[in-house]
Amino acid sequence: MSKTSDIMALLDAGIRAESLRQKSIANNIANIETPGYRRVEVNFEKLLKKALDSNGAVDLSELKPLIFQPKKTPVKSNGNDVSLEGEVGEMVKNALRHKAYIRLLNRKYSQFDLAINIR
């Protein structure tokens, strides 16, 4: 696989993970008053690091983010552990990561456009 394909696959995997993370955050916020609801998070960065650190070839298109319940946040009296402030903070971080991936992808497409339109 070429370096360009690797970069594009990496950006695609990142965008998919951030999209899933945004849905998870929205679901957490939607269930902020649901008794017994435990918040969920998306594990992607650790999986990506492990895949990139491995010696074998990595197929980034096969790298799937995982949803899990961290169960490390304080639980309220109704059994719910969602904090609006925490979720909003996660949403802001997620939006910044998503914006970075999109900007990098746009830059890559601009490079393609320049290469194609050279006279």
N, C-alpha and C. Protein backbone atom coordinates (compact mmCIF):
# COMPACT_ATOMS: atom_id res chain seq x y z
N MET A 1 0.84 -1.18 0.00
CA MET A 1 0.00 0.00 0.00
C MET A 1 0.89 1.24 0.00
N SER A 2 0.53 2.22 -0.78
CA SER A 2 1.33 3.44 -0.87
C SER A 2 1.12 4.31 0.36
N LYS A 3 2.04 5.25 0.55
CA LYS A 3 1.92 6.18 1.68
C LYS A 3 0.64 7.00 1.57
N THR A 4 0.27 7.40 0.37
CA THR A 4 -0.95 8.17 0.17
C THR A 4 -2.16 7.35 0.57
N SER A 5 -2.20 6.09 0.18
CA SER A 5 -3.31 5.22 0.57
C SER A 5 -3.35 5.04 2.08
N ASP A 6 -2.18 4.90 2.70
CA ASP A 6 -2.11 4.76 4.16
C ASP A 6 -2.68 6.00 4.84
N ILE A 7 -2.31 7.17 4.37
CA ILE A 7 -2.80 8.41 4.97
C ILE A 7 -4.30 8.54 4.79
N MET A 8 -4.79 8.24 3.60
CA MET A 8 -6.22 8.34 3.33
C MET A 8 -6.99 7.34 4.20
N ALA A 9 -6.48 6.12 4.34
CA ALA A 9 -7.13 5.11 5.17
C ALA A 9 -7.12 5.53 6.64
N LEU A 10 -6.04 6.13 7.08
CA LEU A 10 -5.93 6.62 8.45
C LEU A 10 -6.95 7.73 8.71
N LEU A 11 -7.04 8.67 7.79
CA LEU A 11 -8.01 9.76 7.93
C LEU A 11 -9.44 9.23 7.91
N ASP A 12 -9.71 8.27 7.04
CA ASP A 12 -11.03 7.67 6.97
C ASP A 12 -11.39 6.97 8.28
N ALA A 13 -10.45 6.20 8.82
CA ALA A 13 -10.69 5.51 10.09
C ALA A 13 -10.94 6.51 11.21
N GLY A 14 -10.18 7.59 11.23
CA GLY A 14 -10.37 8.63 12.25
C GLY A 14 -11.72 9.30 12.14
N ILE A 15 -12.14 9.60 10.93
CA ILE A 15 -13.45 10.25 10.72
C ILE A 15 -14.58 9.31 11.14
N ARG A 16 -14.46 8.02 10.82
CA ARG A 16 -15.48 7.05 11.24
C ARG A 16 -15.54 6.96 12.76
N ALA A 17 -14.39 6.96 13.41
CA ALA A 17 -14.36 6.89 14.88
C ALA A 17 -14.98 8.13 15.51
N GLU A 18 -14.66 9.30 14.97
CA GLU A 18 -15.22 10.54 15.52
C GLU A 18 -16.72 10.62 15.29
N SER A 19 -17.20 10.08 14.19
CA SER A 19 -18.64 10.06 13.93
C SER A 19 -19.34 9.16 14.95
N LEU A 20 -18.78 7.99 15.21
CA LEU A 20 -19.35 7.09 16.21
C LEU A 20 -19.27 7.72 17.60
N ARG A 21 -18.18 8.39 17.89
CA ARG A 21 -18.03 9.04 19.20
C ARG A 21 -19.08 10.14 19.37
N GLN A 22 -19.36 10.90 18.31
CA GLN A 22 -20.37 11.95 18.39
C GLN A 22 -21.75 11.35 18.68
N LYS A 23 -22.06 10.24 18.04
CA LYS A 23 -23.34 9.57 18.29
C LYS A 23 -23.41 9.06 19.73
N SER A 24 -22.30 8.54 20.23
CA SER A 24 -22.27 8.04 21.61
C SER A 24 -22.47 9.16 22.61
N ILE A 25 -21.82 10.29 22.37
CA ILE A 25 -21.98 11.45 23.26
C ILE A 25 -23.43 11.93 23.23
N ALA A 26 -24.01 12.02 22.04
CA ALA A 26 -25.40 12.45 21.92
C ALA A 26 -26.33 11.48 22.66
N ASN A 27 -26.05 10.19 22.56
CA ASN A 27 -26.85 9.20 23.26
C ASN A 27 -26.71 9.36 24.78
N ASN A 28 -25.48 9.62 25.23
CA ASN A 28 -25.27 9.85 26.67
C ASN A 28 -26.10 11.04 27.15
N ILE A 29 -26.04 12.13 26.40
CA ILE A 29 -26.78 13.34 26.78
C ILE A 29 -28.29 13.08 26.75
N ALA A 30 -28.75 12.34 25.75
CA ALA A 30 -30.18 12.04 25.65
C ALA A 30 -30.67 11.22 26.83
N ASN A 31 -29.77 10.46 27.44
CA ASN A 31 -30.14 9.60 28.57
C ASN A 31 -29.69 10.15 29.91
N ILE A 32 -29.46 11.44 29.99
CA ILE A 32 -28.92 12.04 31.21
C ILE A 32 -29.84 11.85 32.43
N GLU A 33 -31.13 11.71 32.21
CA GLU A 33 -32.08 11.52 33.32
C GLU A 33 -32.62 10.09 33.39
N THR A 34 -32.13 9.20 32.56
CA THR A 34 -32.62 7.83 32.56
C THR A 34 -32.05 7.07 33.75
N PRO A 35 -32.90 6.59 34.64
CA PRO A 35 -32.40 5.85 35.81
C PRO A 35 -31.63 4.59 35.39
N GLY A 36 -30.47 4.39 35.99
CA GLY A 36 -29.66 3.20 35.73
C GLY A 36 -28.82 3.26 34.47
N TYR A 37 -28.95 4.31 33.67
CA TYR A 37 -28.16 4.41 32.43
C TYR A 37 -26.70 4.66 32.78
N ARG A 38 -25.81 3.92 32.15
CA ARG A 38 -24.38 4.13 32.30
C ARG A 38 -23.84 4.65 30.98
N ARG A 39 -23.05 5.70 31.05
CA ARG A 39 -22.51 6.34 29.85
C ARG A 39 -21.60 5.39 29.08
N VAL A 40 -21.46 5.66 27.78
CA VAL A 40 -20.58 4.86 26.93
C VAL A 40 -19.51 5.77 26.33
N GLU A 41 -18.40 5.18 26.00
CA GLU A 41 -17.29 5.87 25.33
C GLU A 41 -16.87 5.04 24.12
N VAL A 42 -16.06 5.66 23.27
CA VAL A 42 -15.53 4.98 22.09
C VAL A 42 -14.03 4.80 22.26
N ASN A 43 -13.58 3.58 22.06
CA ASN A 43 -12.15 3.27 22.13
C ASN A 43 -11.63 3.16 20.70
N PHE A 44 -10.82 4.11 20.30
CA PHE A 44 -10.24 4.05 18.96
C PHE A 44 -8.74 4.32 18.99
N GLU A 45 -8.34 5.34 19.72
CA GLU A 45 -6.95 5.76 19.70
C GLU A 45 -6.01 4.65 20.18
N LYS A 46 -6.41 3.92 21.23
CA LYS A 46 -5.57 2.82 21.74
C LYS A 46 -5.48 1.70 20.72
N LEU A 47 -6.60 1.41 20.06
CA LEU A 47 -6.59 0.37 19.02
C LEU A 47 -5.71 0.78 17.84
N LEU A 48 -5.79 2.06 17.47
CA LEU A 48 -4.98 2.56 16.37
C LEU A 48 -3.50 2.50 16.70
N LYS A 49 -3.14 2.91 17.91
CA LYS A 49 -1.73 2.86 18.34
C LYS A 49 -1.21 1.43 18.33
N LYS A 50 -2.01 0.51 18.84
CA LYS A 50 -1.61 -0.89 18.86
C LYS A 50 -1.41 -1.42 17.43
N ALA A 51 -2.32 -1.06 16.53
CA ALA A 51 -2.23 -1.51 15.14
C ALA A 51 -1.00 -0.92 14.46
N LEU A 52 -0.73 0.37 14.71
CA LEU A 52 0.43 1.01 14.07
C LEU A 52 1.75 0.53 14.65
N ASP A 53 1.75 0.13 15.93
CA ASP A 53 2.97 -0.37 16.57
C ASP A 53 3.28 -1.81 16.21
N SER A 54 2.30 -2.52 15.65
CA SER A 54 2.52 -3.92 15.29
C SER A 54 3.49 -4.01 14.12
N ASN A 55 4.17 -5.11 14.03
CA ASN A 55 5.18 -5.29 12.98
C ASN A 55 4.58 -5.61 11.63
N GLY A 56 3.41 -6.22 11.62
CA GLY A 56 2.78 -6.62 10.35
C GLY A 56 2.12 -5.45 9.66
N ALA A 57 1.69 -5.69 8.44
CA ALA A 57 0.98 -4.67 7.69
C ALA A 57 -0.39 -4.46 8.32
N VAL A 58 -0.81 -3.23 8.38
CA VAL A 58 -2.07 -2.88 9.02
C VAL A 58 -3.08 -2.47 7.96
N ASP A 59 -4.25 -3.09 8.00
CA ASP A 59 -5.33 -2.70 7.10
C ASP A 59 -6.24 -1.78 7.90
N LEU A 60 -6.06 -0.48 7.74
CA LEU A 60 -6.80 0.50 8.52
C LEU A 60 -8.29 0.49 8.21
N SER A 61 -8.66 -0.01 7.03
CA SER A 61 -10.08 -0.08 6.71
C SER A 61 -10.78 -1.13 7.58
N GLU A 62 -10.02 -2.06 8.14
CA GLU A 62 -10.58 -3.09 9.01
C GLU A 62 -10.58 -2.68 10.48
N LEU A 63 -9.95 -1.56 10.81
CA LEU A 63 -9.88 -1.08 12.18
C LEU A 63 -11.21 -0.45 12.57
N LYS A 64 -11.88 -1.05 13.52
CA LYS A 64 -13.20 -0.60 13.93
C LYS A 64 -13.15 -0.06 15.36
N PRO A 65 -13.69 1.15 15.58
CA PRO A 65 -13.77 1.67 16.94
C PRO A 65 -14.74 0.84 17.77
N LEU A 66 -14.46 0.73 19.06
CA LEU A 66 -15.30 -0.07 19.95
C LEU A 66 -16.03 0.82 20.95
N ILE A 67 -17.29 0.49 21.21
CA ILE A 67 -18.06 1.20 22.22
C ILE A 67 -17.97 0.37 23.51
N PHE A 68 -17.70 1.07 24.62
CA PHE A 68 -17.61 0.37 25.90
C PHE A 68 -18.14 1.27 27.02
N GLN A 69 -18.44 0.66 28.15
CA GLN A 69 -18.87 1.40 29.33
C GLN A 69 -17.69 1.47 30.29
N PRO A 70 -17.16 2.68 30.53
CA PRO A 70 -15.98 2.79 31.39
C PRO A 70 -16.27 2.48 32.87
N LYS A 71 -17.45 2.77 33.33
CA LYS A 71 -17.86 2.52 34.72
C LYS A 71 -16.85 3.05 35.74
N LYS A 72 -16.24 4.19 35.43
CA LYS A 72 -15.30 4.79 36.36
C LYS A 72 -15.76 6.17 36.83
N THR A 73 -16.91 6.61 36.34
CA THR A 73 -17.44 7.91 36.74
C THR A 73 -18.40 7.74 37.91
N PRO A 74 -18.52 8.78 38.75
CA PRO A 74 -19.41 8.67 39.91
C PRO A 74 -20.87 8.47 39.49
N VAL A 75 -21.55 7.62 40.23
CA VAL A 75 -22.94 7.31 39.93
C VAL A 75 -23.84 8.14 40.85
N LYS A 76 -24.88 8.74 40.23
CA LYS A 76 -25.85 9.51 41.00
C LYS A 76 -26.81 8.57 41.72
N SER A 77 -27.68 9.12 42.54
CA SER A 77 -28.61 8.31 43.34
C SER A 77 -29.55 7.46 42.48
N ASN A 78 -29.80 7.87 41.23
CA ASN A 78 -30.69 7.09 40.36
C ASN A 78 -29.93 6.04 39.54
N GLY A 79 -28.63 5.87 39.81
CA GLY A 79 -27.83 4.87 39.10
C GLY A 79 -27.26 5.34 37.79
N ASN A 80 -27.45 6.60 37.46
CA ASN A 80 -26.99 7.19 36.21
C ASN A 80 -25.63 7.86 36.46
N ASP A 81 -24.72 7.76 35.52
CA ASP A 81 -23.40 8.38 35.70
C ASP A 81 -23.07 9.43 34.64
N VAL A 82 -24.06 9.96 33.94
CA VAL A 82 -23.82 10.95 32.89
C VAL A 82 -23.74 12.34 33.51
N SER A 83 -22.66 13.05 33.16
CA SER A 83 -22.48 14.44 33.58
C SER A 83 -22.57 15.32 32.34
N LEU A 84 -23.47 16.28 32.35
CA LEU A 84 -23.63 17.16 31.19
C LEU A 84 -22.33 17.90 30.89
N GLU A 85 -21.68 18.40 31.93
CA GLU A 85 -20.43 19.13 31.73
C GLU A 85 -19.36 18.23 31.09
N GLY A 86 -19.27 17.00 31.57
CA GLY A 86 -18.30 16.07 31.02
C GLY A 86 -18.58 15.73 29.57
N GLU A 87 -19.84 15.53 29.25
CA GLU A 87 -20.22 15.18 27.88
C GLU A 87 -19.99 16.35 26.92
N VAL A 88 -20.30 17.57 27.39
CA VAL A 88 -20.07 18.75 26.55
C VAL A 88 -18.57 18.90 26.29
N GLY A 89 -17.76 18.68 27.32
CA GLY A 89 -16.30 18.73 27.14
C GLY A 89 -15.82 17.71 26.12
N GLU A 90 -16.36 16.49 26.21
CA GLU A 90 -16.00 15.44 25.25
C GLU A 90 -16.45 15.81 23.84
N MET A 91 -17.63 16.46 23.76
CA MET A 91 -18.14 16.87 22.46
C MET A 91 -17.23 17.92 21.80
N VAL A 92 -16.73 18.85 22.61
CA VAL A 92 -15.84 19.88 22.09
C VAL A 92 -14.54 19.24 21.59
N LYS A 93 -13.96 18.34 22.39
CA LYS A 93 -12.72 17.65 21.97
C LYS A 93 -12.96 16.85 20.70
N ASN A 94 -14.10 16.18 20.64
CA ASN A 94 -14.43 15.37 19.47
C ASN A 94 -14.58 16.25 18.22
N ALA A 95 -15.24 17.39 18.38
CA ALA A 95 -15.42 18.31 17.24
C ALA A 95 -14.08 18.82 16.74
N LEU A 96 -13.16 19.10 17.64
CA LEU A 96 -11.83 19.57 17.23
C LEU A 96 -11.05 18.49 16.49
N ARG A 97 -11.12 17.25 17.00
CA ARG A 97 -10.44 16.15 16.30
C ARG A 97 -11.06 15.94 14.92
N HIS A 98 -12.39 15.98 14.84
CA HIS A 98 -13.09 15.79 13.57
C HIS A 98 -12.68 16.88 12.57
N LYS A 99 -12.64 18.12 13.06
CA LYS A 99 -12.25 19.24 12.20
C LYS A 99 -10.81 19.06 11.68
N ALA A 100 -9.93 18.57 12.55
CA ALA A 100 -8.54 18.33 12.13
C ALA A 100 -8.48 17.26 11.04
N TYR A 101 -9.23 16.16 11.23
CA TYR A 101 -9.24 15.11 10.20
C TYR A 101 -9.76 15.65 8.87
N ILE A 102 -10.82 16.43 8.92
CA ILE A 102 -11.40 16.97 7.69
C ILE A 102 -10.43 17.93 7.01
N ARG A 103 -9.77 18.77 7.78
CA ARG A 103 -8.79 19.70 7.19
C ARG A 103 -7.64 18.94 6.53
N LEU A 104 -7.16 17.89 7.19
CA LEU A 104 -6.08 17.09 6.61
C LEU A 104 -6.56 16.40 5.32
N LEU A 105 -7.78 15.91 5.34
CA LEU A 105 -8.34 15.28 4.15
C LEU A 105 -8.48 16.29 3.01
N ASN A 106 -8.97 17.48 3.32
CA ASN A 106 -9.08 18.53 2.30
C ASN A 106 -7.72 18.89 1.73
N ARG A 107 -6.71 18.95 2.59
CA ARG A 107 -5.36 19.26 2.12
C ARG A 107 -4.86 18.17 1.17
N LYS A 108 -5.14 16.92 1.49
CA LYS A 108 -4.71 15.81 0.64
C LYS A 108 -5.39 15.89 -0.72
N TYR A 109 -6.69 16.20 -0.72
CA TYR A 109 -7.40 16.33 -2.00
C TYR A 109 -6.89 17.53 -2.80
N SER A 110 -6.51 18.59 -2.12
CA SER A 110 -5.92 19.75 -2.81
C SER A 110 -4.61 19.36 -3.48
N GLN A 111 -3.83 18.51 -2.81
CA GLN A 111 -2.58 18.04 -3.41
C GLN A 111 -2.86 17.21 -4.66
N PHE A 112 -3.88 16.36 -4.59
CA PHE A 112 -4.27 15.58 -5.77
C PHE A 112 -4.66 16.50 -6.91
N ASP A 113 -5.48 17.51 -6.59
CA ASP A 113 -5.95 18.46 -7.59
C ASP A 113 -4.77 19.20 -8.23
N LEU A 114 -3.82 19.63 -7.42
CA LEU A 114 -2.63 20.30 -7.96
C LEU A 114 -1.84 19.38 -8.88
N ALA A 115 -1.68 18.13 -8.47
CA ALA A 115 -0.92 17.18 -9.27
C ALA A 115 -1.61 16.90 -10.60
N ILE A 116 -2.92 16.82 -10.59
CA ILE A 116 -3.68 16.52 -11.81
C ILE A 116 -3.67 17.71 -12.76
N ASN A 117 -3.72 18.92 -12.22
CA ASN A 117 -3.88 20.12 -13.04
C ASN A 117 -2.54 20.82 -13.38
N ILE A 118 -1.41 20.18 -13.15
CA ILE A 118 -0.13 20.76 -13.51
C ILE A 118 -0.04 20.82 -15.03
N ARG A 119 0.46 21.97 -15.52
CA ARG A 119 0.57 22.13 -16.99
C ARG A 119 1.98 22.29 -17.39
